[in-house]
Amino acid sequence: MAKVFPINPKHPERICWGCDKYCPVDSLACGNGSERTQHPIELWGEGWEKFGLNAKTEPAGPAQEVVDPSADAPPEKSGT
């Protein structure tokens, strides 16, 4: 079973976040590259969990319809 992923760890720079092992930086066990995988808070800062595919936000309201202005334009005549 996978461990719960911490939202705001105290020292994210001390751990590799690349898999469920969460190895210390000086002893990476998975061999998944030569450098550790950074925690999202190191990459995107505070509030990283509020955007993206797994965002935990409520819908902003009804979606607005996007109108294409070229849809009403007459078709262009070809010069052939």
PDB file of N, CA and C in Angstrom:
ATOM      1  N   MET A   1       0.839  -1.175   0.000  1.00  0.00           N
ATOM      2  CA  MET A   1       0.000   0.000   0.000  1.00  0.00           C
ATOM      3  C   MET A   1       0.887   1.242   0.000  1.00  0.00           C
ATOM      4  N   ALA A   2       0.511   2.232  -0.758  1.00  0.00           N
ATOM      5  CA  ALA A   2       1.274   3.471  -0.869  1.00  0.00           C
ATOM      6  C   ALA A   2       1.113   4.309   0.394  1.00  0.00           C
ATOM      7  N   LYS A   3       2.177   5.024   0.733  1.00  0.00           N
ATOM      8  CA  LYS A   3       2.134   5.921   1.878  1.00  0.00           C
ATOM      9  C   LYS A   3       1.357   7.179   1.513  1.00  0.00           C
ATOM     10  N   VAL A   4       0.839   7.851   2.510  1.00  0.00           N
ATOM     11  CA  VAL A   4       0.151   9.124   2.295  1.00  0.00           C
ATOM     12  C   VAL A   4       1.200  10.170   1.940  1.00  0.00           C
ATOM     13  N   PHE A   5       0.967  10.899   0.864  1.00  0.00           N
ATOM     14  CA  PHE A   5       1.927  11.901   0.413  1.00  0.00           C
ATOM     15  C   PHE A   5       1.755  13.174   1.229  1.00  0.00           C
ATOM     16  N   PRO A   6       2.813  13.649   1.897  1.00  0.00           N
ATOM     17  CA  PRO A   6       2.701  14.852   2.725  1.00  0.00           C
ATOM     18  C   PRO A   6       2.541  16.112   1.879  1.00  0.00           C
ATOM     19  N   ILE A   7       1.644  16.979   2.273  1.00  0.00           N
ATOM     20  CA  ILE A   7       1.362  18.221   1.559  1.00  0.00           C
ATOM     21  C   ILE A   7       2.451  19.263   1.816  1.00  0.00           C
ATOM     22  N   ASN A   8       2.859  19.421   3.070  1.00  0.00           N
ATOM     23  CA  ASN A   8       3.831  20.452   3.435  1.00  0.00           C
ATOM     24  C   ASN A   8       4.852  19.884   4.429  1.00  0.00           C
ATOM     25  N   PRO A   9       5.834  19.086   3.960  1.00  0.00           N
ATOM     26  CA  PRO A   9       6.823  18.512   4.882  1.00  0.00           C
ATOM     27  C   PRO A   9       7.777  19.575   5.423  1.00  0.00           C
ATOM     28  N   LYS A  10       8.355  19.305   6.612  1.00  0.00           N
ATOM     29  CA  LYS A  10       9.263  20.272   7.235  1.00  0.00           C
ATOM     30  C   LYS A  10      10.529  20.493   6.425  1.00  0.00           C
ATOM     31  N   HIS A  11      11.197  19.431   6.005  1.00  0.00           N
ATOM     32  CA  HIS A  11      12.456  19.533   5.271  1.00  0.00           C
ATOM     33  C   HIS A  11      12.385  18.679   4.008  1.00  0.00           C
ATOM     34  N   PRO A  12      11.690  19.149   2.963  1.00  0.00           N
ATOM     35  CA  PRO A  12      11.555  18.340   1.753  1.00  0.00           C
ATOM     36  C   PRO A  12      12.878  18.100   1.044  1.00  0.00           C
ATOM     37  N   GLU A  13      13.867  18.952   1.275  1.00  0.00           N
ATOM     38  CA  GLU A  13      15.157  18.821   0.599  1.00  0.00           C
ATOM     39  C   GLU A  13      15.972  17.636   1.117  1.00  0.00           C
ATOM     40  N   ARG A  14      15.580  17.013   2.203  1.00  0.00           N
ATOM     41  CA  ARG A  14      16.328  15.898   2.781  1.00  0.00           C
ATOM     42  C   ARG A  14      15.880  14.536   2.267  1.00  0.00           C
ATOM     43  N   ILE A  15      14.828  14.498   1.451  1.00  0.00           N
ATOM     44  CA  ILE A  15      14.229  13.234   1.018  1.00  0.00           C
ATOM     45  C   ILE A  15      14.049  13.223  -0.494  1.00  0.00           C
ATOM     46  N   CYS A  16      14.161  12.039  -1.099  1.00  0.00           N
ATOM     47  CA  CYS A  16      13.824  11.855  -2.511  1.00  0.00           C
ATOM     48  C   CYS A  16      12.360  11.451  -2.580  1.00  0.00           C
ATOM     49  N   TRP A  17      11.570  12.142  -3.391  1.00  0.00           N
ATOM     50  CA  TRP A  17      10.134  11.915  -3.468  1.00  0.00           C
ATOM     51  C   TRP A  17       9.743  11.128  -4.712  1.00  0.00           C
ATOM     52  N   GLY A  18      10.687  10.415  -5.335  1.00  0.00           N
ATOM     53  CA  GLY A  18      10.442   9.743  -6.605  1.00  0.00           C
ATOM     54  C   GLY A  18       9.599   8.491  -6.542  1.00  0.00           C
ATOM     55  N   CYS A  19       9.510   7.832  -5.405  1.00  0.00           N
ATOM     56  CA  CYS A  19       8.696   6.607  -5.290  1.00  0.00           C
ATOM     57  C   CYS A  19       8.162   6.514  -3.863  1.00  0.00           C
ATOM     58  N   ASP A  20       7.602   5.390  -3.515  1.00  0.00           N
ATOM     59  CA  ASP A  20       7.012   5.223  -2.182  1.00  0.00           C
ATOM     60  C   ASP A  20       8.040   4.936  -1.091  1.00  0.00           C
ATOM     61  N   LYS A  21       9.331   4.855  -1.449  1.00  0.00           N
ATOM     62  CA  LYS A  21      10.358   4.555  -0.446  1.00  0.00           C
ATOM     63  C   LYS A  21      10.775   5.791   0.347  1.00  0.00           C
ATOM     64  N   TYR A  22      10.698   6.977  -0.264  1.00  0.00           N
ATOM     65  CA  TYR A  22      11.088   8.238   0.392  1.00  0.00           C
ATOM     66  C   TYR A  22      12.469   8.109   1.034  1.00  0.00           C
ATOM     67  N   CYS A  23      13.474   7.811   0.220  1.00  0.00           N
ATOM     68  CA  CYS A  23      14.847   7.578   0.694  1.00  0.00           C
ATOM     69  C   CYS A  23      15.523   8.879   1.109  1.00  0.00           C
ATOM     70  N   PRO A  24      16.489   8.776   2.040  1.00  0.00           N
ATOM     71  CA  PRO A  24      17.326   9.936   2.334  1.00  0.00           C
ATOM     72  C   PRO A  24      18.151  10.295   1.104  1.00  0.00           C
ATOM     73  N   VAL A  25      18.525  11.536   0.973  1.00  0.00           N
ATOM     74  CA  VAL A  25      19.231  12.026  -0.196  1.00  0.00           C
ATOM     75  C   VAL A  25      20.552  11.297  -0.428  1.00  0.00           C
ATOM     76  N   ASP A  26      21.229  10.898   0.646  1.00  0.00           N
ATOM     77  CA  ASP A  26      22.542  10.270   0.500  1.00  0.00           C
ATOM     78  C   ASP A  26      22.498   8.762   0.265  1.00  0.00           C
ATOM     79  N   SER A  27      21.322   8.152   0.215  1.00  0.00           N
ATOM     80  CA  SER A  27      21.243   6.715  -0.062  1.00  0.00           C
ATOM     81  C   SER A  27      19.980   6.387  -0.854  1.00  0.00           C
ATOM     82  N   LEU A  28      19.959   6.743  -2.132  1.00  0.00           N
ATOM     83  CA  LEU A  28      18.809   6.489  -2.983  1.00  0.00           C
ATOM     84  C   LEU A  28      18.754   5.003  -3.328  1.00  0.00           C
ATOM     85  N   ALA A  29      17.677   4.336  -2.980  1.00  0.00           N
ATOM     86  CA  ALA A  29      17.575   2.889  -3.151  1.00  0.00           C
ATOM     87  C   ALA A  29      16.974   2.466  -4.486  1.00  0.00           C
ATOM     88  N   CYS A  30      16.171   3.299  -5.105  1.00  0.00           N
ATOM     89  CA  CYS A  30      15.458   2.852  -6.303  1.00  0.00           C
ATOM     90  C   CYS A  30      16.322   2.902  -7.562  1.00  0.00           C
ATOM     91  N   GLY A  31      17.401   3.663  -7.553  1.00  0.00           N
ATOM     92  CA  GLY A  31      18.256   3.767  -8.729  1.00  0.00           C
ATOM     93  C   GLY A  31      17.582   4.490  -9.878  1.00  0.00           C
ATOM     94  N   ASN A  32      16.587   5.295  -9.583  1.00  0.00           N
ATOM     95  CA  ASN A  32      15.820   6.010 -10.594  1.00  0.00           C
ATOM     96  C   ASN A  32      16.498   7.340 -10.907  1.00  0.00           C
ATOM     97  N   GLY A  33      17.663   7.275 -11.500  1.00  0.00           N
ATOM     98  CA  GLY A  33      18.399   8.497 -11.809  1.00  0.00           C
ATOM     99  C   GLY A  33      19.485   8.749 -10.787  1.00  0.00           C
ATOM    100  N   SER A  34      20.290   9.748 -11.022  1.00  0.00           N
ATOM    101  CA  SER A  34      21.403  10.022 -10.127  1.00  0.00           C
ATOM    102  C   SER A  34      21.078  11.121  -9.124  1.00  0.00           C
ATOM    103  N   GLU A  35      19.971  11.820  -9.314  1.00  0.00           N
ATOM    104  CA  GLU A  35      19.581  12.894  -8.402  1.00  0.00           C
ATOM    105  C   GLU A  35      18.223  12.579  -7.799  1.00  0.00           C
ATOM    106  N   ARG A  36      17.953  13.194  -6.696  1.00  0.00           N
ATOM    107  CA  ARG A  36      16.672  12.963  -6.034  1.00  0.00           C
ATOM    108  C   ARG A  36      15.542  13.687  -6.768  1.00  0.00           C
ATOM    109  N   THR A  37      14.342  13.198  -6.597  1.00  0.00           N
ATOM    110  CA  THR A  37      13.160  13.842  -7.144  1.00  0.00           C
ATOM    111  C   THR A  37      12.666  14.860  -6.130  1.00  0.00           C
ATOM    112  N   GLN A  38      12.470  16.087  -6.570  1.00  0.00           N
ATOM    113  CA  GLN A  38      12.057  17.141  -5.652  1.00  0.00           C
ATOM    114  C   GLN A  38      10.579  17.011  -5.297  1.00  0.00           C
ATOM    115  N   HIS A  39      10.244  17.515  -4.120  1.00  0.00           N
ATOM    116  CA  HIS A  39       8.857  17.579  -3.669  1.00  0.00           C
ATOM    117  C   HIS A  39       8.175  18.712  -4.440  1.00  0.00           C
ATOM    118  N   PRO A  40       6.885  18.588  -4.745  1.00  0.00           N
ATOM    119  CA  PRO A  40       6.188  19.655  -5.477  1.00  0.00           C
ATOM    120  C   PRO A  40       6.272  21.033  -4.827  1.00  0.00           C
ATOM    121  N   ILE A  41       6.383  21.091  -3.521  1.00  0.00           N
ATOM    122  CA  ILE A  41       6.481  22.400  -2.862  1.00  0.00           C
ATOM    123  C   ILE A  41       7.801  23.085  -3.209  1.00  0.00           C
ATOM    124  N   GLU A  42       8.836  22.301  -3.521  1.00  0.00           N
ATOM    125  CA  GLU A  42      10.117  22.880  -3.942  1.00  0.00           C
ATOM    126  C   GLU A  42      10.037  23.401  -5.371  1.00  0.00           C
ATOM    127  N   LEU A  43       9.221  22.769  -6.184  1.00  0.00           N
ATOM    128  CA  LEU A  43       9.101  23.164  -7.588  1.00  0.00           C
ATOM    129  C   LEU A  43       8.127  24.312  -7.794  1.00  0.00           C
ATOM    130  N   TRP A  44       6.954  24.232  -7.155  1.00  0.00           N
ATOM    131  CA  TRP A  44       5.884  25.201  -7.429  1.00  0.00           C
ATOM    132  C   TRP A  44       5.518  26.070  -6.245  1.00  0.00           C
ATOM    133  N   GLY A  45       6.099  25.835  -5.067  1.00  0.00           N
ATOM    134  CA  GLY A  45       5.855  26.681  -3.905  1.00  0.00           C
ATOM    135  C   GLY A  45       4.558  26.358  -3.177  1.00  0.00           C
ATOM    136  N   GLU A  46       4.240  27.222  -2.232  1.00  0.00           N
ATOM    137  CA  GLU A  46       3.026  27.063  -1.424  1.00  0.00           C
ATOM    138  C   GLU A  46       1.793  27.006  -2.306  1.00  0.00           C
ATOM    139  N   GLY A  47       0.852  26.184  -1.951  1.00  0.00           N
ATOM    140  CA  GLY A  47      -0.394  26.079  -2.703  1.00  0.00           C
ATOM    141  C   GLY A  47      -0.298  25.181  -3.918  1.00  0.00           C
ATOM    142  N   TRP A  48       0.762  24.386  -4.026  1.00  0.00           N
ATOM    143  CA  TRP A  48       0.951  23.517  -5.198  1.00  0.00           C
ATOM    144  C   TRP A  48      -0.182  22.526  -5.361  1.00  0.00           C
ATOM    145  N   GLU A  49      -0.815  22.126  -4.273  1.00  0.00           N
ATOM    146  CA  GLU A  49      -1.887  21.124  -4.350  1.00  0.00           C
ATOM    147  C   GLU A  49      -3.207  21.712  -4.841  1.00  0.00           C
ATOM    148  N   LYS A  50      -3.270  23.020  -5.025  1.00  0.00           N
ATOM    149  CA  LYS A  50      -4.516  23.667  -5.428  1.00  0.00           C
ATOM    150  C   LYS A  50      -4.661  23.835  -6.933  1.00  0.00           C
ATOM    151  N   PHE A  51      -3.687  23.369  -7.716  1.00  0.00           N
ATOM    152  CA  PHE A  51      -3.796  23.446  -9.168  1.00  0.00           C
ATOM    153  C   PHE A  51      -3.289  22.150  -9.780  1.00  0.00           C
ATOM    154  N   GLY A  52      -3.655  21.908 -11.012  1.00  0.00           N
ATOM    155  CA  GLY A  52      -3.213  20.702 -11.698  1.00  0.00           C
ATOM    156  C   GLY A  52      -4.326  19.675 -11.812  1.00  0.00           C
ATOM    157  N   LEU A  53      -3.953  18.464 -12.164  1.00  0.00           N
ATOM    158  CA  LEU A  53      -4.942  17.420 -12.414  1.00  0.00           C
ATOM    159  C   LEU A  53      -5.654  16.951 -11.157  1.00  0.00           C
ATOM    160  N   ASN A  54      -4.975  16.944 -10.017  1.00  0.00           N
ATOM    161  CA  ASN A  54      -5.581  16.484  -8.775  1.00  0.00           C
ATOM    162  C   ASN A  54      -5.955  17.640  -7.863  1.00  0.00           C
ATOM    163  N   ALA A  55      -6.280  18.771  -8.435  1.00  0.00           N
ATOM    164  CA  ALA A  55      -6.602  19.954  -7.641  1.00  0.00           C
ATOM    165  C   ALA A  55      -7.829  19.692  -6.781  1.00  0.00           C
ATOM    166  N   LYS A  56      -7.751  20.123  -5.532  1.00  0.00           N
ATOM    167  CA  LYS A  56      -8.859  19.943  -4.596  1.00  0.00           C
ATOM    168  C   LYS A  56      -9.623  21.250  -4.481  1.00  0.00           C
ATOM    169  N   THR A  57     -10.210  21.685  -5.577  1.00  0.00           N
ATOM    170  CA  THR A  57     -10.940  22.945  -5.576  1.00  0.00           C
ATOM    171  C   THR A  57     -12.370  22.719  -6.040  1.00  0.00           C
ATOM    172  N   GLU A  58     -13.209  23.653  -5.705  1.00  0.00           N
ATOM    173  CA  GLU A  58     -14.607  23.632  -6.129  1.00  0.00           C
ATOM    174  C   GLU A  58     -14.714  24.287  -7.497  1.00  0.00           C
ATOM    175  N   PRO A  59     -15.699  23.915  -8.283  1.00  0.00           N
ATOM    176  CA  PRO A  59     -15.878  24.594  -9.570  1.00  0.00           C
ATOM    177  C   PRO A  59     -16.146  26.081  -9.355  1.00  0.00           C
ATOM    178  N   ALA A  60     -15.644  26.917 -10.251  1.00  0.00           N
ATOM    179  CA  ALA A  60     -15.752  28.366 -10.110  1.00  0.00           C
ATOM    180  C   ALA A  60     -17.144  28.894 -10.451  1.00  0.00           C
ATOM    181  N   GLY A  61     -17.997  28.083 -10.998  1.00  0.00           N
ATOM    182  CA  GLY A  61     -19.328  28.526 -11.383  1.00  0.00           C
ATOM    183  C   GLY A  61     -19.653  27.984 -12.755  1.00  0.00           C
ATOM    184  N   PRO A  62     -20.735  28.489 -13.349  1.00  0.00           N
ATOM    185  CA  PRO A  62     -21.096  27.985 -14.677  1.00  0.00           C
ATOM    186  C   PRO A  62     -20.041  28.348 -15.711  1.00  0.00           C
ATOM    187  N   ALA A  63     -19.802  27.434 -16.609  1.00  0.00           N
ATOM    188  CA  ALA A  63     -18.806  27.667 -17.659  1.00  0.00           C
ATOM    189  C   ALA A  63     -19.324  28.704 -18.641  1.00  0.00           C
ATOM    190  N   GLN A  64     -18.423  29.562 -19.095  1.00  0.00           N
ATOM    191  CA  GLN A  64     -18.806  30.575 -20.068  1.00  0.00           C
ATOM    192  C   GLN A  64     -18.588  30.024 -21.465  1.00  0.00           C
ATOM    193  N   GLU A  65     -19.530  30.315 -22.349  1.00  0.00           N
ATOM    194  CA  GLU A  65     -19.421  29.834 -23.723  1.00  0.00           C
ATOM    195  C   GLU A  65     -18.449  30.711 -24.498  1.00  0.00           C
ATOM    196  N   VAL A  66     -17.556  30.077 -25.218  1.00  0.00           N
ATOM    197  CA  VAL A  66     -16.598  30.796 -26.050  1.00  0.00           C
ATOM    198  C   VAL A  66     -17.162  30.862 -27.456  1.00  0.00           C
ATOM    199  N   VAL A  67     -17.293  32.089 -27.984  1.00  0.00           N
ATOM    200  CA  VAL A  67     -17.873  32.281 -29.303  1.00  0.00           C
ATOM    201  C   VAL A  67     -16.751  32.521 -30.300  1.00  0.00           C
ATOM    202  N   ASP A  68     -16.777  31.787 -31.408  1.00  0.00           N
ATOM    203  CA  ASP A  68     -15.791  31.944 -32.469  1.00  0.00           C
ATOM    204  C   ASP A  68     -16.322  32.995 -33.448  1.00  0.00           C
ATOM    205  N   PRO A  69     -15.682  34.176 -33.538  1.00  0.00           N
ATOM    206  CA  PRO A  69     -16.187  35.229 -34.415  1.00  0.00           C
ATOM    207  C   PRO A  69     -16.114  34.852 -35.890  1.00  0.00           C
ATOM    208  N   SER A  70     -15.262  33.927 -36.256  1.00  0.00           N
ATOM    209  CA  SER A  70     -15.158  33.535 -37.665  1.00  0.00           C
ATOM    210  C   SER A  70     -16.307  32.628 -38.099  1.00  0.00           C
ATOM    211  N   ALA A  71     -17.110  32.151 -37.149  1.00  0.00           N
ATOM    212  CA  ALA A  71     -18.215  31.263 -37.490  1.00  0.00           C
ATOM    213  C   ALA A  71     -19.311  32.007 -38.259  1.00  0.00           C
ATOM    214  N   ASP A  72     -19.482  33.322 -38.006  1.00  0.00           N
ATOM    215  CA  ASP A  72     -20.519  34.101 -38.669  1.00  0.00           C
ATOM    216  C   ASP A  72     -20.036  34.733 -39.973  1.00  0.00           C
ATOM    217  N   ALA A  73     -18.750  34.686 -40.247  1.00  0.00           N
ATOM    218  CA  ALA A  73     -18.198  35.314 -41.456  1.00  0.00           C
ATOM    219  C   ALA A  73     -18.543  34.472 -42.680  1.00  0.00           C
ATOM    220  N   PRO A  74     -18.835  35.146 -43.820  1.00  0.00           N
ATOM    221  CA  PRO A  74     -19.127  34.390 -45.043  1.00  0.00           C
ATOM    222  C   PRO A  74     -17.886  33.652 -45.521  1.00  0.00           C
ATOM    223  N   PRO A  75     -18.042  32.534 -46.207  1.00  0.00           N
ATOM    224  CA  PRO A  75     -16.888  31.790 -46.689  1.00  0.00           C
ATOM    225  C   PRO A  75     -16.113  32.605 -47.722  1.00  0.00           C
ATOM    226  N   GLU A  76     -14.788  32.442 -47.708  1.00  0.00           N
ATOM    227  CA  GLU A  76     -13.936  33.168 -48.654  1.00  0.00           C
ATOM    228  C   GLU A  76     -14.026  32.510 -50.022  1.00  0.00           C
ATOM    229  N   LYS A  77     -14.011  33.372 -51.055  1.00  0.00           N
ATOM    230  CA  LYS A  77     -14.063  32.855 -52.430  1.00  0.00           C
ATOM    231  C   LYS A  77     -12.652  32.534 -52.890  1.00  0.00           C
ATOM    232  N   SER A  78     -12.533  31.452 -53.586  1.00  0.00           N
ATOM    233  CA  SER A  78     -11.208  31.082 -54.100  1.00  0.00           C
ATOM    234  C   SER A  78     -10.991  31.765 -55.443  1.00  0.00           C
ATOM    235  N   GLY A  79      -9.761  32.135 -55.745  1.00  0.00           N
ATOM    236  CA  GLY A  79      -9.418  32.878 -56.941  1.00  0.00           C
ATOM    237  C   GLY A  79      -9.060  31.965 -58.127  1.00  0.00           C
ATOM    238  N   THR A  80      -9.477  30.750 -58.142  1.00  0.00           N
ATOM    239  CA  THR A  80      -9.118  29.846 -59.255  1.00  0.00           C
ATOM    240  C   THR A  80     -10.122  29.839 -60.342  1.00  0.00           C
TER     241      THR A  80
END
